[in-house]
Amino acid sequence: MDDTQKLIARVDALAHRTGASTSTLSRKLFGNGKRFDEIKAGGSLTMTTYHRAVSTLRDLEKAAVRRAAA
């Protein structure tokens, strides 16, 4: 599984865990509600965008864990 596939799996898992739509998460990660679906369908992303998305995703995952623990 390459890094993009891992990112896709993490976004899908967060959507499932939180009940947020992938469109909402896509907007938070990429600034575009459709971008995640484009990437999932085989679209590419720059390394800069990838690293920014991973960092934001990490923050969203931590927030979800905190909410679940509360």
PDB file of N, CA and C in Angstrom:
ATOM      1  N   MET A   1       0.858  -1.174   0.000  1.00  0.00           N
ATOM      2  CA  MET A   1       0.000   0.000   0.000  1.00  0.00           C
ATOM      3  C   MET A   1       0.903   1.235   0.000  1.00  0.00           C
ATOM      4  N   ASP A   2       0.725   2.105  -0.992  1.00  0.00           N
ATOM      5  CA  ASP A   2       1.553   3.303  -1.042  1.00  0.00           C
ATOM      6  C   ASP A   2       0.996   4.392  -0.121  1.00  0.00           C
ATOM      7  N   ASP A   3       1.722   5.488  -0.024  1.00  0.00           N
ATOM      8  CA  ASP A   3       1.341   6.549   0.913  1.00  0.00           C
ATOM      9  C   ASP A   3      -0.024   7.144   0.603  1.00  0.00           C
ATOM     10  N   THR A   4      -0.331   7.305  -0.676  1.00  0.00           N
ATOM     11  CA  THR A   4      -1.643   7.852  -1.040  1.00  0.00           C
ATOM     12  C   THR A   4      -2.757   6.901  -0.619  1.00  0.00           C
ATOM     13  N   GLN A   5      -2.557   5.615  -0.815  1.00  0.00           N
ATOM     14  CA  GLN A   5      -3.560   4.636  -0.401  1.00  0.00           C
ATOM     15  C   GLN A   5      -3.730   4.631   1.124  1.00  0.00           C
ATOM     16  N   LYS A   6      -2.645   4.817   1.844  1.00  0.00           N
ATOM     17  CA  LYS A   6      -2.729   4.909   3.308  1.00  0.00           C
ATOM     18  C   LYS A   6      -3.518   6.139   3.723  1.00  0.00           C
ATOM     19  N   LEU A   7      -3.285   7.261   3.044  1.00  0.00           N
ATOM     20  CA  LEU A   7      -4.039   8.480   3.319  1.00  0.00           C
ATOM     21  C   LEU A   7      -5.522   8.259   3.066  1.00  0.00           C
ATOM     22  N   ILE A   8      -5.848   7.636   1.961  1.00  0.00           N
ATOM     23  CA  ILE A   8      -7.245   7.344   1.620  1.00  0.00           C
ATOM     24  C   ILE A   8      -7.874   6.470   2.699  1.00  0.00           C
ATOM     25  N   ALA A   9      -7.169   5.444   3.125  1.00  0.00           N
ATOM     26  CA  ALA A   9      -7.699   4.543   4.157  1.00  0.00           C
ATOM     27  C   ALA A   9      -7.924   5.284   5.471  1.00  0.00           C
ATOM     28  N   ARG A  10      -7.008   6.179   5.831  1.00  0.00           N
ATOM     29  CA  ARG A  10      -7.162   6.942   7.075  1.00  0.00           C
ATOM     30  C   ARG A  10      -8.352   7.891   7.005  1.00  0.00           C
ATOM     31  N   VAL A  11      -8.538   8.542   5.860  1.00  0.00           N
ATOM     32  CA  VAL A  11      -9.679   9.459   5.702  1.00  0.00           C
ATOM     33  C   VAL A  11     -10.984   8.667   5.764  1.00  0.00           C
ATOM     34  N   ASP A  12     -11.043   7.547   5.067  1.00  0.00           N
ATOM     35  CA  ASP A  12     -12.246   6.710   5.116  1.00  0.00           C
ATOM     36  C   ASP A  12     -12.522   6.235   6.540  1.00  0.00           C
ATOM     37  N   ALA A  13     -11.484   5.839   7.263  1.00  0.00           N
ATOM     38  CA  ALA A  13     -11.655   5.371   8.646  1.00  0.00           C
ATOM     39  C   ALA A  13     -12.147   6.497   9.545  1.00  0.00           C
ATOM     40  N   LEU A  14     -11.603   7.691   9.377  1.00  0.00           N
ATOM     41  CA  LEU A  14     -12.043   8.823  10.192  1.00  0.00           C
ATOM     42  C   LEU A  14     -13.495   9.175   9.883  1.00  0.00           C
ATOM     43  N   ALA A  15     -13.858   9.139   8.625  1.00  0.00           N
ATOM     44  CA  ALA A  15     -15.252   9.409   8.246  1.00  0.00           C
ATOM     45  C   ALA A  15     -16.179   8.400   8.907  1.00  0.00           C
ATOM     46  N   HIS A  16     -15.791   7.146   8.872  1.00  0.00           N
ATOM     47  CA  HIS A  16     -16.610   6.096   9.479  1.00  0.00           C
ATOM     48  C   HIS A  16     -16.700   6.285  11.000  1.00  0.00           C
ATOM     49  N   ARG A  17     -15.570   6.572  11.627  1.00  0.00           N
ATOM     50  CA  ARG A  17     -15.509   6.700  13.079  1.00  0.00           C
ATOM     51  C   ARG A  17     -16.278   7.922  13.594  1.00  0.00           C
ATOM     52  N   THR A  18     -16.245   9.024  12.846  1.00  0.00           N
ATOM     53  CA  THR A  18     -16.846  10.264  13.323  1.00  0.00           C
ATOM     54  C   THR A  18     -18.227  10.544  12.745  1.00  0.00           C
ATOM     55  N   GLY A  19     -18.562   9.872  11.652  1.00  0.00           N
ATOM     56  CA  GLY A  19     -19.826  10.148  10.992  1.00  0.00           C
ATOM     57  C   GLY A  19     -19.752  11.336  10.040  1.00  0.00           C
ATOM     58  N   ALA A  20     -18.565  11.916   9.900  1.00  0.00           N
ATOM     59  CA  ALA A  20     -18.388  13.026   8.958  1.00  0.00           C
ATOM     60  C   ALA A  20     -18.343  12.464   7.537  1.00  0.00           C
ATOM     61  N   SER A  21     -18.831  13.229   6.601  1.00  0.00           N
ATOM     62  CA  SER A  21     -18.761  12.780   5.210  1.00  0.00           C
ATOM     63  C   SER A  21     -17.331  12.959   4.699  1.00  0.00           C
ATOM     64  N   THR A  22     -16.970  12.169   3.705  1.00  0.00           N
ATOM     65  CA  THR A  22     -15.645  12.337   3.117  1.00  0.00           C
ATOM     66  C   THR A  22     -15.551  13.683   2.408  1.00  0.00           C
ATOM     67  N   SER A  23     -16.665  14.223   1.971  1.00  0.00           N
ATOM     68  CA  SER A  23     -16.664  15.549   1.358  1.00  0.00           C
ATOM     69  C   SER A  23     -16.272  16.614   2.383  1.00  0.00           C
ATOM     70  N   THR A  24     -16.806  16.507   3.587  1.00  0.00           N
ATOM     71  CA  THR A  24     -16.450  17.446   4.658  1.00  0.00           C
ATOM     72  C   THR A  24     -14.970  17.328   4.993  1.00  0.00           C
ATOM     73  N   LEU A  25     -14.484  16.100   5.118  1.00  0.00           N
ATOM     74  CA  LEU A  25     -13.078  15.895   5.428  1.00  0.00           C
ATOM     75  C   LEU A  25     -12.199  16.380   4.277  1.00  0.00           C
ATOM     76  N   SER A  26     -12.634  16.164   3.053  1.00  0.00           N
ATOM     77  CA  SER A  26     -11.901  16.628   1.892  1.00  0.00           C
ATOM     78  C   SER A  26     -11.768  18.149   1.914  1.00  0.00           C
ATOM     79  N   ARG A  27     -12.828  18.822   2.265  1.00  0.00           N
ATOM     80  CA  ARG A  27     -12.802  20.285   2.343  1.00  0.00           C
ATOM     81  C   ARG A  27     -11.797  20.748   3.399  1.00  0.00           C
ATOM     82  N   LYS A  28     -11.761  20.040   4.535  1.00  0.00           N
ATOM     83  CA  LYS A  28     -10.820  20.396   5.600  1.00  0.00           C
ATOM     84  C   LYS A  28      -9.379  20.082   5.220  1.00  0.00           C
ATOM     85  N   LEU A  29      -9.178  18.999   4.490  1.00  0.00           N
ATOM     86  CA  LEU A  29      -7.822  18.574   4.137  1.00  0.00           C
ATOM     87  C   LEU A  29      -7.262  19.262   2.896  1.00  0.00           C
ATOM     88  N   PHE A  30      -8.125  19.477   1.906  1.00  0.00           N
ATOM     89  CA  PHE A  30      -7.655  19.957   0.611  1.00  0.00           C
ATOM     90  C   PHE A  30      -8.268  21.282   0.182  1.00  0.00           C
ATOM     91  N   GLY A  31      -9.236  21.789   0.962  1.00  0.00           N
ATOM     92  CA  GLY A  31      -9.900  23.029   0.586  1.00  0.00           C
ATOM     93  C   GLY A  31     -10.911  22.849  -0.525  1.00  0.00           C
ATOM     94  N   ASN A  32     -11.274  21.603  -0.798  1.00  0.00           N
ATOM     95  CA  ASN A  32     -12.187  21.284  -1.894  1.00  0.00           C
ATOM     96  C   ASN A  32     -12.921  19.998  -1.539  1.00  0.00           C
ATOM     97  N   GLY A  33     -14.232  20.044  -1.476  1.00  0.00           N
ATOM     98  CA  GLY A  33     -15.024  18.896  -1.076  1.00  0.00           C
ATOM     99  C   GLY A  33     -14.983  17.721  -2.038  1.00  0.00           C
ATOM    100  N   LYS A  34     -14.546  17.951  -3.271  1.00  0.00           N
ATOM    101  CA  LYS A  34     -14.504  16.879  -4.268  1.00  0.00           C
ATOM    102  C   LYS A  34     -13.109  16.294  -4.452  1.00  0.00           C
ATOM    103  N   ARG A  35     -12.095  16.953  -3.889  1.00  0.00           N
ATOM    104  CA  ARG A  35     -10.710  16.550  -4.154  1.00  0.00           C
ATOM    105  C   ARG A  35     -10.394  15.142  -3.668  1.00  0.00           C
ATOM    106  N   PHE A  36     -10.924  14.749  -2.516  1.00  0.00           N
ATOM    107  CA  PHE A  36     -10.663  13.406  -1.991  1.00  0.00           C
ATOM    108  C   PHE A  36     -11.152  12.345  -2.974  1.00  0.00           C
ATOM    109  N   ASP A  37     -12.353  12.523  -3.511  1.00  0.00           N
ATOM    110  CA  ASP A  37     -12.877  11.563  -4.481  1.00  0.00           C
ATOM    111  C   ASP A  37     -12.017  11.517  -5.745  1.00  0.00           C
ATOM    112  N   GLU A  38     -11.488  12.664  -6.152  1.00  0.00           N
ATOM    113  CA  GLU A  38     -10.603  12.694  -7.319  1.00  0.00           C
ATOM    114  C   GLU A  38      -9.325  11.891  -7.052  1.00  0.00           C
ATOM    115  N   ILE A  39      -8.766  12.075  -5.865  1.00  0.00           N
ATOM    116  CA  ILE A  39      -7.555  11.338  -5.491  1.00  0.00           C
ATOM    117  C   ILE A  39      -7.860   9.852  -5.378  1.00  0.00           C
ATOM    118  N   LYS A  40      -8.986   9.539  -4.773  1.00  0.00           N
ATOM    119  CA  LYS A  40      -9.393   8.138  -4.618  1.00  0.00           C
ATOM    120  C   LYS A  40      -9.580   7.465  -5.977  1.00  0.00           C
ATOM    121  N   ALA A  41      -9.999   8.232  -6.967  1.00  0.00           N
ATOM    122  CA  ALA A  41     -10.215   7.700  -8.316  1.00  0.00           C
ATOM    123  C   ALA A  41      -8.918   7.632  -9.129  1.00  0.00           C
ATOM    124  N   GLY A  42      -7.800   7.977  -8.495  1.00  0.00           N
ATOM    125  CA  GLY A  42      -6.523   7.857  -9.188  1.00  0.00           C
ATOM    126  C   GLY A  42      -5.806   9.161  -9.443  1.00  0.00           C
ATOM    127  N   GLY A  43      -6.410  10.262  -9.015  1.00  0.00           N
ATOM    128  CA  GLY A  43      -5.759  11.559  -9.191  1.00  0.00           C
ATOM    129  C   GLY A  43      -4.505  11.666  -8.341  1.00  0.00           C
ATOM    130  N   SER A  44      -3.644  12.563  -8.723  1.00  0.00           N
ATOM    131  CA  SER A  44      -2.386  12.724  -7.997  1.00  0.00           C
ATOM    132  C   SER A  44      -2.445  13.973  -7.121  1.00  0.00           C
ATOM    133  N   LEU A  45      -1.444  14.074  -6.257  1.00  0.00           N
ATOM    134  CA  LEU A  45      -1.300  15.278  -5.447  1.00  0.00           C
ATOM    135  C   LEU A  45       0.179  15.531  -5.231  1.00  0.00           C
ATOM    136  N   THR A  46       0.517  16.783  -5.029  1.00  0.00           N
ATOM    137  CA  THR A  46       1.917  17.124  -4.825  1.00  0.00           C
ATOM    138  C   THR A  46       2.351  16.673  -3.434  1.00  0.00           C
ATOM    139  N   MET A  47       3.643  16.569  -3.253  1.00  0.00           N
ATOM    140  CA  MET A  47       4.170  16.185  -1.941  1.00  0.00           C
ATOM    141  C   MET A  47       3.822  17.234  -0.895  1.00  0.00           C
ATOM    142  N   THR A  48       3.841  18.493  -1.276  1.00  0.00           N
ATOM    143  CA  THR A  48       3.483  19.562  -0.344  1.00  0.00           C
ATOM    144  C   THR A  48       2.044  19.398   0.121  1.00  0.00           C
ATOM    145  N   THR A  49       1.142  19.155  -0.812  1.00  0.00           N
ATOM    146  CA  THR A  49      -0.266  18.945  -0.476  1.00  0.00           C
ATOM    147  C   THR A  49      -0.431  17.691   0.361  1.00  0.00           C
ATOM    148  N   TYR A  50       0.278  16.638   0.002  1.00  0.00           N
ATOM    149  CA  TYR A  50       0.210  15.386   0.751  1.00  0.00           C
ATOM    150  C   TYR A  50       0.631  15.618   2.202  1.00  0.00           C
ATOM    151  N   HIS A  51       1.759  16.250   2.418  1.00  0.00           N
ATOM    152  CA  HIS A  51       2.252  16.465   3.784  1.00  0.00           C
ATOM    153  C   HIS A  51       1.326  17.377   4.589  1.00  0.00           C
ATOM    154  N   ARG A  52       0.770  18.397   3.951  1.00  0.00           N
ATOM    155  CA  ARG A  52      -0.183  19.272   4.638  1.00  0.00           C
ATOM    156  C   ARG A  52      -1.446  18.490   5.016  1.00  0.00           C
ATOM    157  N   ALA A  53      -1.927  17.647   4.114  1.00  0.00           N
ATOM    158  CA  ALA A  53      -3.122  16.847   4.388  1.00  0.00           C
ATOM    159  C   ALA A  53      -2.870  15.854   5.520  1.00  0.00           C
ATOM    160  N   VAL A  54      -1.706  15.219   5.527  1.00  0.00           N
ATOM    161  CA  VAL A  54      -1.371  14.267   6.589  1.00  0.00           C
ATOM    162  C   VAL A  54      -1.302  14.975   7.937  1.00  0.00           C
ATOM    163  N   SER A  55      -0.723  16.155   7.970  1.00  0.00           N
ATOM    164  CA  SER A  55      -0.629  16.916   9.218  1.00  0.00           C
ATOM    165  C   SER A  55      -2.018  17.308   9.726  1.00  0.00           C
ATOM    166  N   THR A  56      -2.857  17.796   8.838  1.00  0.00           N
ATOM    167  CA  THR A  56      -4.222  18.177   9.225  1.00  0.00           C
ATOM    168  C   THR A  56      -5.016  16.946   9.641  1.00  0.00           C
ATOM    169  N   LEU A  57      -4.840  15.856   8.916  1.00  0.00           N
ATOM    170  CA  LEU A  57      -5.539  14.616   9.249  1.00  0.00           C
ATOM    171  C   LEU A  57      -5.137  14.125  10.636  1.00  0.00           C
ATOM    172  N   ARG A  58      -3.865  14.212  10.954  1.00  0.00           N
ATOM    173  CA  ARG A  58      -3.378  13.813  12.281  1.00  0.00           C
ATOM    174  C   ARG A  58      -4.097  14.633  13.367  1.00  0.00           C
ATOM    175  N   ASP A  59      -4.247  15.937  13.140  1.00  0.00           N
ATOM    176  CA  ASP A  59      -4.944  16.795  14.097  1.00  0.00           C
ATOM    177  C   ASP A  59      -6.416  16.401  14.222  1.00  0.00           C
ATOM    178  N   LEU A  60      -7.051  16.101  13.100  1.00  0.00           N
ATOM    179  CA  LEU A  60      -8.465  15.686  13.121  1.00  0.00           C
ATOM    180  C   LEU A  60      -8.638  14.353  13.850  1.00  0.00           C
ATOM    181  N   GLU A  61      -7.702  13.437  13.628  1.00  0.00           N
ATOM    182  CA  GLU A  61      -7.764  12.139  14.312  1.00  0.00           C
ATOM    183  C   GLU A  61      -7.589  12.305  15.816  1.00  0.00           C
ATOM    184  N   LYS A  62      -6.655  13.153  16.231  1.00  0.00           N
ATOM    185  CA  LYS A  62      -6.451  13.408  17.661  1.00  0.00           C
ATOM    186  C   LYS A  62      -7.698  14.022  18.288  1.00  0.00           C
ATOM    187  N   ALA A  63      -8.312  14.966  17.596  1.00  0.00           N
ATOM    188  CA  ALA A  63      -9.529  15.595  18.096  1.00  0.00           C
ATOM    189  C   ALA A  63     -10.657  14.571  18.230  1.00  0.00           C
ATOM    190  N   ALA A  64     -10.754  13.660  17.291  1.00  0.00           N
ATOM    191  CA  ALA A  64     -11.792  12.626  17.351  1.00  0.00           C
ATOM    192  C   ALA A  64     -11.567  11.707  18.545  1.00  0.00           C
ATOM    193  N   VAL A  65     -10.318  11.392  18.829  1.00  0.00           N
ATOM    194  CA  VAL A  65     -10.004  10.540  19.984  1.00  0.00           C
ATOM    195  C   VAL A  65     -10.360  11.266  21.273  1.00  0.00           C
ATOM    196  N   ARG A  66     -10.032  12.557  21.352  1.00  0.00           N
ATOM    197  CA  ARG A  66     -10.360  13.347  22.547  1.00  0.00           C
ATOM    198  C   ARG A  66     -11.874  13.401  22.759  1.00  0.00           C
ATOM    199  N   ARG A  67     -12.626  13.616  21.677  1.00  0.00           N
ATOM    200  CA  ARG A  67     -14.098  13.677  21.789  1.00  0.00           C
ATOM    201  C   ARG A  67     -14.663  12.335  22.241  1.00  0.00           C
ATOM    202  N   ALA A  68     -14.098  11.259  21.742  1.00  0.00           N
ATOM    203  CA  ALA A  68     -14.591   9.926  22.101  1.00  0.00           C
ATOM    204  C   ALA A  68     -14.286   9.612  23.561  1.00  0.00           C
ATOM    205  N   ALA A  69     -13.181  10.146  24.071  1.00  0.00           N
ATOM    206  CA  ALA A  69     -12.791   9.875  25.454  1.00  0.00           C
ATOM    207  C   ALA A  69     -13.586  10.732  26.444  1.00  0.00           C
ATOM    208  N   ALA A  70     -14.135  11.822  25.967  1.00  0.00           N
ATOM    209  CA  ALA A  70     -14.861  12.741  26.867  1.00  0.00           C
ATOM    210  C   ALA A  70     -16.219  12.235  27.239  1.00  0.00           C
TER     211      ALA A  70
END
